Amino acid sequence: MKNTAVWFNSRLPPERFSCYSVSKRINNPAGVLIELKYAGDGDLGKGCADALAQIRQKNYDAALRKDGMEKIFRYGIAFYKKNCKVRSERRMLYEP
């Protein structure tokens, strides 16, 4: 994983987890935000939507934008028992 940095928010309780990764390639800087949600009611779609909404509402990508990331990929991952669902969004630097 040369030219890549990964940060985890380890101060959260085990049922809450967040992480972001940065690719530091000079010509194409990109960041990745990952938010995991436990879908206690089994509604994985809602869990993914809630995870992506939390990334937007809490402005998790501010540090990535400040570091000059041109692309930011957001992943909302919901899990329940042995099931998992992933939804993604991409934000380009020029987007609001």
C-alpha atoms as a PDB file:
ATOM      1  CA  MET A   1       0.000   0.000   0.000  1.00  0.00           C
ATOM      2  CA  LYS A   2       2.724   2.417  -0.987  1.00  0.00           C
ATOM      3  CA  ASN A   3       1.531   6.031  -1.201  1.00  0.00           C
ATOM      4  CA  THR A   4      -1.565   5.243   0.877  1.00  0.00           C
ATOM      5  CA  ALA A   5      -2.448   6.286   4.418  1.00  0.00           C
ATOM      6  CA  VAL A   6      -5.306   4.828   6.492  1.00  0.00           C
ATOM      7  CA  TRP A   7      -6.903   6.285   9.629  1.00  0.00           C
ATOM      8  CA  PHE A   8      -9.365   4.610  11.974  1.00  0.00           C
ATOM      9  CA  ASN A   9     -11.482   6.264  14.627  1.00  0.00           C
ATOM     10  CA  SER A  10     -10.684   3.913  17.503  1.00  0.00           C
ATOM     11  CA  ARG A  11     -12.342   6.044  20.178  1.00  0.00           C
ATOM     12  CA  LEU A  12     -15.774   4.852  19.150  1.00  0.00           C
ATOM     13  CA  PRO A  13     -17.563   1.941  20.821  1.00  0.00           C
ATOM     14  CA  PRO A  14     -17.336  -1.404  18.951  1.00  0.00           C
ATOM     15  CA  GLU A  15     -20.759  -1.052  17.311  1.00  0.00           C
ATOM     16  CA  ARG A  16     -19.656   2.246  15.721  1.00  0.00           C
ATOM     17  CA  PHE A  17     -16.701   2.419  13.406  1.00  0.00           C
ATOM     18  CA  SER A  18     -15.333   4.851  10.895  1.00  0.00           C
ATOM     19  CA  CYS A  19     -12.261   4.886   8.715  1.00  0.00           C
ATOM     20  CA  TYR A  20     -10.749   6.863   5.916  1.00  0.00           C
ATOM     21  CA  SER A  21      -7.959   6.199   3.492  1.00  0.00           C
ATOM     22  CA  VAL A  22      -5.962   8.509   1.281  1.00  0.00           C
ATOM     23  CA  SER A  23      -4.169   7.689  -1.941  1.00  0.00           C
ATOM     24  CA  LYS A  24      -1.305  10.130  -2.277  1.00  0.00           C
ATOM     25  CA  ARG A  25      -0.569   9.590  -5.949  1.00  0.00           C
ATOM     26  CA  ILE A  26       0.656  12.925  -7.200  1.00  0.00           C
ATOM     27  CA  ASN A  27      -1.398  13.047 -10.400  1.00  0.00           C
ATOM     28  CA  ASN A  28      -4.651  11.731  -8.966  1.00  0.00           C
ATOM     29  CA  PRO A  29      -5.148  12.275  -5.226  1.00  0.00           C
ATOM     30  CA  ALA A  30      -8.214  10.452  -3.894  1.00  0.00           C
ATOM     31  CA  GLY A  31      -9.693   9.795  -0.474  1.00  0.00           C
ATOM     32  CA  VAL A  32     -11.997   7.063   0.805  1.00  0.00           C
ATOM     33  CA  LEU A  33     -14.438   7.391   3.696  1.00  0.00           C
ATOM     34  CA  ILE A  34     -16.061   4.291   5.183  1.00  0.00           C
ATOM     35  CA  GLU A  35     -18.867   4.302   7.742  1.00  0.00           C
ATOM     36  CA  LEU A  36     -20.181   1.018   9.141  1.00  0.00           C
ATOM     37  CA  LYS A  37     -23.605   0.612  10.719  1.00  0.00           C
ATOM     38  CA  TYR A  38     -25.089  -2.324  12.552  1.00  0.00           C
ATOM     39  CA  ALA A  39     -28.639  -2.755  11.206  1.00  0.00           C
ATOM     40  CA  GLY A  40     -30.268  -4.121  14.335  1.00  0.00           C
ATOM     41  CA  ASP A  41     -33.649  -4.283  12.618  1.00  0.00           C
ATOM     42  CA  GLY A  42     -32.220  -6.100   9.584  1.00  0.00           C
ATOM     43  CA  ASP A  43     -32.929  -3.209   7.175  1.00  0.00           C
ATOM     44  CA  LEU A  44     -29.588  -3.081   5.358  1.00  0.00           C
ATOM     45  CA  GLY A  45     -30.714  -0.469   2.836  1.00  0.00           C
ATOM     46  CA  LYS A  46     -31.641   1.975   5.593  1.00  0.00           C
ATOM     47  CA  GLY A  47     -28.372   1.224   7.395  1.00  0.00           C
ATOM     48  CA  CYS A  48     -26.371   2.109   4.270  1.00  0.00           C
ATOM     49  CA  ALA A  49     -28.374   5.289   3.756  1.00  0.00           C
ATOM     50  CA  ASP A  50     -27.869   6.260   7.405  1.00  0.00           C
ATOM     51  CA  ALA A  51     -24.111   5.666   7.131  1.00  0.00           C
ATOM     52  CA  LEU A  52     -23.809   7.857   4.015  1.00  0.00           C
ATOM     53  CA  ALA A  53     -26.000  10.529   5.601  1.00  0.00           C
ATOM     54  CA  GLN A  54     -23.740  10.571   8.672  1.00  0.00           C
ATOM     55  CA  ILE A  55     -20.663  11.086   6.490  1.00  0.00           C
ATOM     56  CA  ARG A  56     -22.355  14.096   4.859  1.00  0.00           C
ATOM     57  CA  GLN A  57     -23.947  15.546   8.017  1.00  0.00           C
ATOM     58  CA  LYS A  58     -20.800  15.349  10.122  1.00  0.00           C
ATOM     59  CA  ASN A  59     -18.649  16.669   7.277  1.00  0.00           C
ATOM     60  CA  TYR A  60     -16.161  13.814   7.556  1.00  0.00           C
ATOM     61  CA  ASP A  61     -14.597  14.736   4.232  1.00  0.00           C
ATOM     62  CA  ALA A  62     -13.454  18.198   5.384  1.00  0.00           C
ATOM     63  CA  ALA A  63      -9.945  16.974   6.287  1.00  0.00           C
ATOM     64  CA  LEU A  64      -9.616  15.189   2.954  1.00  0.00           C
ATOM     65  CA  ARG A  65     -10.660  18.282   1.022  1.00  0.00           C
ATOM     66  CA  LYS A  66      -8.235  20.369   3.085  1.00  0.00           C
ATOM     67  CA  ASP A  67      -5.453  17.933   2.164  1.00  0.00           C
ATOM     68  CA  GLY A  68      -6.208  18.516  -1.532  1.00  0.00           C
ATOM     69  CA  MET A  69      -8.078  15.330  -2.415  1.00  0.00           C
ATOM     70  CA  GLU A  70      -9.624  15.753  -5.842  1.00  0.00           C
ATOM     71  CA  LYS A  71     -11.877  12.708  -5.523  1.00  0.00           C
ATOM     72  CA  ILE A  72     -13.560  11.422  -2.399  1.00  0.00           C
ATOM     73  CA  PHE A  73     -15.268   8.050  -2.399  1.00  0.00           C
ATOM     74  CA  ARG A  74     -17.819   7.473   0.377  1.00  0.00           C
ATOM     75  CA  TYR A  75     -18.945   4.008   1.402  1.00  0.00           C
ATOM     76  CA  GLY A  76     -21.859   3.238   3.694  1.00  0.00           C
ATOM     77  CA  ILE A  77     -21.747  -0.351   4.889  1.00  0.00           C
ATOM     78  CA  ALA A  78     -24.550  -1.957   6.874  1.00  0.00           C
ATOM     79  CA  PHE A  79     -24.381  -5.384   8.433  1.00  0.00           C
ATOM     80  CA  TYR A  80     -26.767  -7.654  10.296  1.00  0.00           C
ATOM     81  CA  LYS A  81     -25.794 -11.130  11.468  1.00  0.00           C
ATOM     82  CA  LYS A  82     -24.074 -12.708   8.424  1.00  0.00           C
ATOM     83  CA  ASN A  83     -25.464 -10.247   5.884  1.00  0.00           C
ATOM     84  CA  CYS A  84     -23.868  -7.083   4.569  1.00  0.00           C
ATOM     85  CA  LYS A  85     -24.742  -4.371   2.054  1.00  0.00           C
ATOM     86  CA  VAL A  86     -22.561  -1.603   0.599  1.00  0.00           C
ATOM     87  CA  ARG A  87     -23.579   1.661  -1.053  1.00  0.00           C
ATOM     88  CA  SER A  88     -21.204   4.253  -2.399  1.00  0.00           C
ATOM     89  CA  GLU A  89     -21.014   7.883  -3.464  1.00  0.00           C
ATOM     90  CA  ARG A  90     -18.251   9.832  -5.146  1.00  0.00           C
ATOM     91  CA  ARG A  91     -17.577  13.497  -4.609  1.00  0.00           C
ATOM     92  CA  MET A  92     -15.381  15.424  -6.991  1.00  0.00           C
ATOM     93  CA  LEU A  93     -13.481  18.467  -5.736  1.00  0.00           C
ATOM     94  CA  TYR A  94     -15.513  20.894  -7.831  1.00  0.00           C
ATOM     95  CA  GLU A  95     -18.860  19.607  -6.512  1.00  0.00           C
ATOM     96  CA  PRO A  96     -20.627  21.520  -3.690  1.00  0.00           C
END
